[in-house]
Amino acid sequence: MAESTTLTAEGFVEKSLNHFMSDITDKVFLMIQNDHSLMQEYLDLVRVRDGKRLNAYIGKLIKEKFRLDDVMESGQPAKSTLIKETYTKHCLKRGLGAG
């Protein structure tokens, strides 16, 4: 197998993970809406909290749990119907090398 002279394995993994993580918020909300028990728990939370604020808070927690940085607003509609407006795309935090 020929090795790339311009991209290291580490660079490739970082690029792949950034691609995966860029719309992680939408992916999590899709998972919630497609899982009956998670959706029921989400709806229970929406009943006691403002849905827009809840979604923003969930997005913030996702960012913190995965240790991500904001990149930009998605600029395209979310695939999840639980997200009514835009969501923020993310990337891996810089300087978090293996350790």
N, C-alpha and C. Protein backbone atom coordinates (compact mmCIF):
# COMPACT_ATOMS: atom_id res chain seq x y z
N MET A 1 0.85 -1.18 0.00
CA MET A 1 0.00 0.00 0.00
C MET A 1 0.89 1.24 0.00
N ALA A 2 0.70 2.10 -0.94
CA ALA A 2 1.51 3.31 -1.05
C ALA A 2 1.08 4.33 0.00
N GLU A 3 2.06 5.00 0.60
CA GLU A 3 1.78 6.04 1.58
C GLU A 3 1.69 7.39 0.89
N SER A 4 0.80 8.22 1.39
CA SER A 4 0.68 9.57 0.88
C SER A 4 1.86 10.40 1.37
N THR A 5 2.42 11.19 0.48
CA THR A 5 3.54 12.04 0.88
C THR A 5 3.08 13.36 1.47
N THR A 6 1.79 13.67 1.34
CA THR A 6 1.30 14.95 1.84
C THR A 6 0.41 14.82 3.07
N LEU A 7 -0.04 13.63 3.40
CA LEU A 7 -0.96 13.46 4.51
C LEU A 7 -0.49 12.32 5.40
N THR A 8 -0.32 12.61 6.67
CA THR A 8 0.07 11.57 7.63
C THR A 8 -1.18 10.84 8.11
N ALA A 9 -0.99 9.70 8.74
CA ALA A 9 -2.12 8.96 9.32
C ALA A 9 -2.82 9.82 10.35
N GLU A 10 -2.04 10.55 11.15
CA GLU A 10 -2.62 11.43 12.16
C GLU A 10 -3.46 12.53 11.53
N GLY A 11 -2.91 13.12 10.45
CA GLY A 11 -3.65 14.16 9.73
C GLY A 11 -4.92 13.63 9.11
N PHE A 12 -4.83 12.40 8.58
CA PHE A 12 -6.01 11.78 7.98
C PHE A 12 -7.09 11.53 9.02
N VAL A 13 -6.69 11.01 10.20
CA VAL A 13 -7.66 10.75 11.26
C VAL A 13 -8.29 12.05 11.73
N GLU A 14 -7.48 13.10 11.92
CA GLU A 14 -8.03 14.39 12.34
C GLU A 14 -9.01 14.93 11.30
N LYS A 15 -8.65 14.83 10.04
CA LYS A 15 -9.54 15.30 8.96
C LYS A 15 -10.84 14.50 8.96
N SER A 16 -10.75 13.19 9.13
CA SER A 16 -11.93 12.32 9.13
C SER A 16 -12.83 12.61 10.32
N LEU A 17 -12.22 12.77 11.50
CA LEU A 17 -13.00 13.06 12.70
C LEU A 17 -13.66 14.43 12.62
N ASN A 18 -12.94 15.41 12.08
CA ASN A 18 -13.55 16.74 11.92
C ASN A 18 -14.74 16.67 10.98
N HIS A 19 -14.63 15.88 9.93
CA HIS A 19 -15.75 15.71 9.00
C HIS A 19 -16.94 15.08 9.73
N PHE A 20 -16.67 14.04 10.52
CA PHE A 20 -17.72 13.36 11.27
C PHE A 20 -18.34 14.28 12.32
N MET A 21 -17.49 15.01 13.05
CA MET A 21 -17.95 15.84 14.16
C MET A 21 -18.62 17.14 13.70
N SER A 22 -18.41 17.55 12.46
CA SER A 22 -18.92 18.85 12.03
C SER A 22 -20.43 18.98 12.23
N ASP A 23 -21.17 17.90 12.03
CA ASP A 23 -22.62 17.97 12.22
C ASP A 23 -23.09 17.02 13.33
N ILE A 24 -22.26 16.85 14.35
CA ILE A 24 -22.57 15.93 15.45
C ILE A 24 -23.87 16.32 16.16
N THR A 25 -24.14 17.61 16.28
CA THR A 25 -25.37 18.05 16.95
C THR A 25 -26.59 17.52 16.19
N ASP A 26 -26.60 17.67 14.89
CA ASP A 26 -27.70 17.17 14.08
C ASP A 26 -27.79 15.65 14.20
N LYS A 27 -26.66 14.97 14.21
CA LYS A 27 -26.65 13.50 14.33
C LYS A 27 -27.24 13.05 15.66
N VAL A 28 -26.92 13.75 16.74
CA VAL A 28 -27.47 13.40 18.05
C VAL A 28 -28.98 13.61 18.07
N PHE A 29 -29.45 14.73 17.52
CA PHE A 29 -30.89 14.98 17.49
C PHE A 29 -31.61 13.98 16.59
N LEU A 30 -30.98 13.54 15.51
CA LEU A 30 -31.57 12.48 14.66
C LEU A 30 -31.70 11.19 15.45
N MET A 31 -30.66 10.86 16.23
CA MET A 31 -30.69 9.66 17.04
C MET A 31 -31.84 9.74 18.05
N ILE A 32 -32.00 10.91 18.68
CA ILE A 32 -33.08 11.09 19.66
C ILE A 32 -34.44 10.87 19.01
N GLN A 33 -34.67 11.51 17.86
CA GLN A 33 -35.99 11.42 17.24
C GLN A 33 -36.28 10.02 16.70
N ASN A 34 -35.25 9.23 16.44
CA ASN A 34 -35.45 7.88 15.91
C ASN A 34 -35.45 6.80 16.99
N ASP A 35 -35.27 7.18 18.25
CA ASP A 35 -35.28 6.23 19.36
C ASP A 35 -36.49 6.55 20.23
N HIS A 36 -37.43 5.64 20.30
CA HIS A 36 -38.70 5.90 20.99
C HIS A 36 -38.50 6.35 22.43
N SER A 37 -37.68 5.66 23.20
CA SER A 37 -37.53 6.02 24.62
C SER A 37 -36.79 7.35 24.78
N LEU A 38 -35.76 7.61 23.97
CA LEU A 38 -35.08 8.90 24.04
C LEU A 38 -36.02 10.03 23.63
N MET A 39 -36.83 9.79 22.62
CA MET A 39 -37.76 10.82 22.16
C MET A 39 -38.78 11.14 23.26
N GLN A 40 -39.24 10.12 23.95
CA GLN A 40 -40.20 10.36 25.04
C GLN A 40 -39.56 11.19 26.15
N GLU A 41 -38.32 10.87 26.50
CA GLU A 41 -37.61 11.64 27.53
C GLU A 41 -37.37 13.07 27.06
N TYR A 42 -37.02 13.24 25.79
CA TYR A 42 -36.83 14.59 25.23
C TYR A 42 -38.13 15.39 25.32
N LEU A 43 -39.24 14.78 24.94
CA LEU A 43 -40.53 15.47 25.00
C LEU A 43 -40.91 15.82 26.44
N ASP A 44 -40.56 14.95 27.39
CA ASP A 44 -40.79 15.27 28.80
C ASP A 44 -40.00 16.51 29.20
N LEU A 45 -38.75 16.62 28.74
CA LEU A 45 -37.93 17.80 29.03
C LEU A 45 -38.51 19.05 28.37
N VAL A 46 -38.99 18.92 27.14
CA VAL A 46 -39.57 20.06 26.42
C VAL A 46 -40.80 20.59 27.16
N ARG A 47 -41.55 19.70 27.80
CA ARG A 47 -42.75 20.12 28.54
C ARG A 47 -42.42 21.04 29.71
N VAL A 48 -41.25 20.87 30.31
CA VAL A 48 -40.90 21.68 31.48
C VAL A 48 -39.89 22.78 31.17
N ARG A 49 -39.31 22.75 29.97
CA ARG A 49 -38.34 23.76 29.57
C ARG A 49 -38.71 24.30 28.20
N ASP A 50 -38.28 25.50 27.90
CA ASP A 50 -38.45 26.08 26.57
C ASP A 50 -37.66 25.23 25.58
N GLY A 51 -38.33 24.74 24.53
CA GLY A 51 -37.69 23.85 23.57
C GLY A 51 -36.45 24.43 22.90
N LYS A 52 -36.52 25.71 22.51
CA LYS A 52 -35.38 26.34 21.85
C LYS A 52 -34.18 26.42 22.79
N ARG A 53 -34.44 26.81 24.04
CA ARG A 53 -33.36 26.89 25.02
C ARG A 53 -32.82 25.50 25.35
N LEU A 54 -33.71 24.52 25.43
CA LEU A 54 -33.28 23.15 25.70
C LEU A 54 -32.36 22.67 24.60
N ASN A 55 -32.74 22.88 23.34
CA ASN A 55 -31.90 22.45 22.22
C ASN A 55 -30.54 23.14 22.26
N ALA A 56 -30.52 24.44 22.56
CA ALA A 56 -29.25 25.16 22.64
C ALA A 56 -28.39 24.58 23.76
N TYR A 57 -29.01 24.24 24.88
CA TYR A 57 -28.27 23.68 26.01
C TYR A 57 -27.74 22.28 25.66
N ILE A 58 -28.56 21.47 25.01
CA ILE A 58 -28.11 20.14 24.57
C ILE A 58 -26.92 20.30 23.63
N GLY A 59 -27.01 21.25 22.68
CA GLY A 59 -25.89 21.51 21.77
C GLY A 59 -24.63 21.90 22.51
N LYS A 60 -24.77 22.73 23.54
CA LYS A 60 -23.62 23.15 24.34
C LYS A 60 -23.01 21.96 25.06
N LEU A 61 -23.85 21.09 25.62
CA LEU A 61 -23.34 19.91 26.32
C LEU A 61 -22.64 18.95 25.38
N ILE A 62 -23.16 18.79 24.16
CA ILE A 62 -22.50 17.94 23.15
C ILE A 62 -21.10 18.48 22.87
N LYS A 63 -21.03 19.78 22.66
CA LYS A 63 -19.74 20.44 22.38
C LYS A 63 -18.76 20.20 23.52
N GLU A 64 -19.23 20.35 24.76
CA GLU A 64 -18.35 20.16 25.92
C GLU A 64 -17.93 18.70 26.08
N LYS A 65 -18.86 17.78 25.94
CA LYS A 65 -18.56 16.35 26.13
C LYS A 65 -17.55 15.84 25.11
N PHE A 66 -17.63 16.32 23.87
CA PHE A 66 -16.71 15.89 22.84
C PHE A 66 -15.49 16.81 22.71
N ARG A 67 -15.46 17.87 23.56
CA ARG A 67 -14.36 18.83 23.57
C ARG A 67 -14.14 19.40 22.16
N LEU A 68 -15.16 20.07 21.66
CA LEU A 68 -15.16 20.62 20.30
C LEU A 68 -15.11 22.13 20.32
N ASP A 69 -14.67 22.70 19.22
CA ASP A 69 -14.73 24.14 18.98
C ASP A 69 -15.82 24.42 17.96
N ASP A 70 -16.42 25.60 18.04
CA ASP A 70 -17.38 26.02 17.02
C ASP A 70 -16.64 26.39 15.75
N VAL A 71 -17.24 26.06 14.62
CA VAL A 71 -16.66 26.44 13.33
C VAL A 71 -17.52 27.54 12.70
N MET A 72 -18.81 27.25 12.54
CA MET A 72 -19.72 28.20 11.91
C MET A 72 -21.13 27.65 12.02
N GLU A 73 -22.10 28.49 11.74
CA GLU A 73 -23.46 27.98 11.63
C GLU A 73 -23.54 27.14 10.37
N SER A 74 -24.37 26.12 10.42
CA SER A 74 -24.40 25.14 9.34
C SER A 74 -24.76 25.75 7.99
N GLY A 75 -25.66 26.73 7.97
CA GLY A 75 -26.06 27.34 6.70
C GLY A 75 -26.99 26.47 5.89
N GLN A 76 -27.32 25.29 6.40
CA GLN A 76 -28.25 24.41 5.71
C GLN A 76 -29.21 23.85 6.75
N PRO A 77 -30.40 23.43 6.32
CA PRO A 77 -31.35 22.91 7.30
C PRO A 77 -30.84 21.62 7.93
N ALA A 78 -31.19 21.44 9.19
CA ALA A 78 -30.83 20.21 9.88
C ALA A 78 -31.65 19.05 9.32
N LYS A 79 -31.09 17.85 9.39
CA LYS A 79 -31.84 16.66 8.99
C LYS A 79 -32.85 16.29 10.06
N SER A 80 -32.53 16.58 11.31
CA SER A 80 -33.45 16.31 12.40
C SER A 80 -34.57 17.35 12.43
N THR A 81 -35.78 16.87 12.57
CA THR A 81 -36.91 17.79 12.66
C THR A 81 -37.01 18.43 14.05
N LEU A 82 -36.21 17.97 15.00
CA LEU A 82 -36.21 18.57 16.33
C LEU A 82 -35.49 19.91 16.34
N ILE A 83 -34.63 20.14 15.36
CA ILE A 83 -33.90 21.40 15.25
C ILE A 83 -34.70 22.29 14.31
N LYS A 84 -35.27 23.34 14.86
CA LYS A 84 -36.16 24.20 14.07
C LYS A 84 -35.41 25.28 13.29
N GLU A 85 -34.25 25.66 13.78
CA GLU A 85 -33.48 26.70 13.11
C GLU A 85 -32.12 26.13 12.73
N THR A 86 -31.12 26.94 12.79
CA THR A 86 -29.78 26.46 12.42
C THR A 86 -29.10 25.79 13.60
N TYR A 87 -28.04 25.09 13.31
CA TYR A 87 -27.19 24.52 14.34
C TYR A 87 -25.75 24.86 14.00
N THR A 88 -24.87 24.73 14.97
CA THR A 88 -23.48 25.11 14.77
C THR A 88 -22.65 23.89 14.40
N LYS A 89 -21.81 24.05 13.39
CA LYS A 89 -20.86 23.00 13.03
C LYS A 89 -19.66 23.10 13.96
N HIS A 90 -18.99 21.97 14.17
CA HIS A 90 -17.88 21.90 15.11
C HIS A 90 -16.64 21.26 14.49
N CYS A 91 -15.52 21.40 15.19
CA CYS A 91 -14.30 20.70 14.84
C CYS A 91 -13.59 20.35 16.14
N LEU A 92 -12.62 19.45 16.04
CA LEU A 92 -11.84 19.07 17.21
C LEU A 92 -11.07 20.26 17.73
N LYS A 93 -10.95 20.36 19.04
CA LYS A 93 -10.13 21.43 19.63
C LYS A 93 -8.68 21.22 19.22
N ARG A 94 -8.01 22.27 18.93
CA ARG A 94 -6.58 22.21 18.59
C ARG A 94 -5.77 21.94 19.85
N GLY A 95 -4.66 21.26 19.70
CA GLY A 95 -3.75 21.05 20.82
C GLY A 95 -4.17 19.95 21.77
N LEU A 96 -5.07 19.07 21.35
CA LEU A 96 -5.48 17.97 22.21
C LEU A 96 -4.82 16.68 21.75
N GLY A 97 -3.55 16.67 21.67
CA GLY A 97 -2.83 15.49 21.23
C GLY A 97 -3.02 14.33 22.18
N ALA A 98 -2.62 13.15 21.74
CA ALA A 98 -2.72 11.96 22.58
C ALA A 98 -1.89 12.15 23.83
N GLY A 99 -2.39 11.69 24.92
CA GLY A 99 -1.63 11.91 26.12
C GLY A 99 -2.06 11.10 27.20
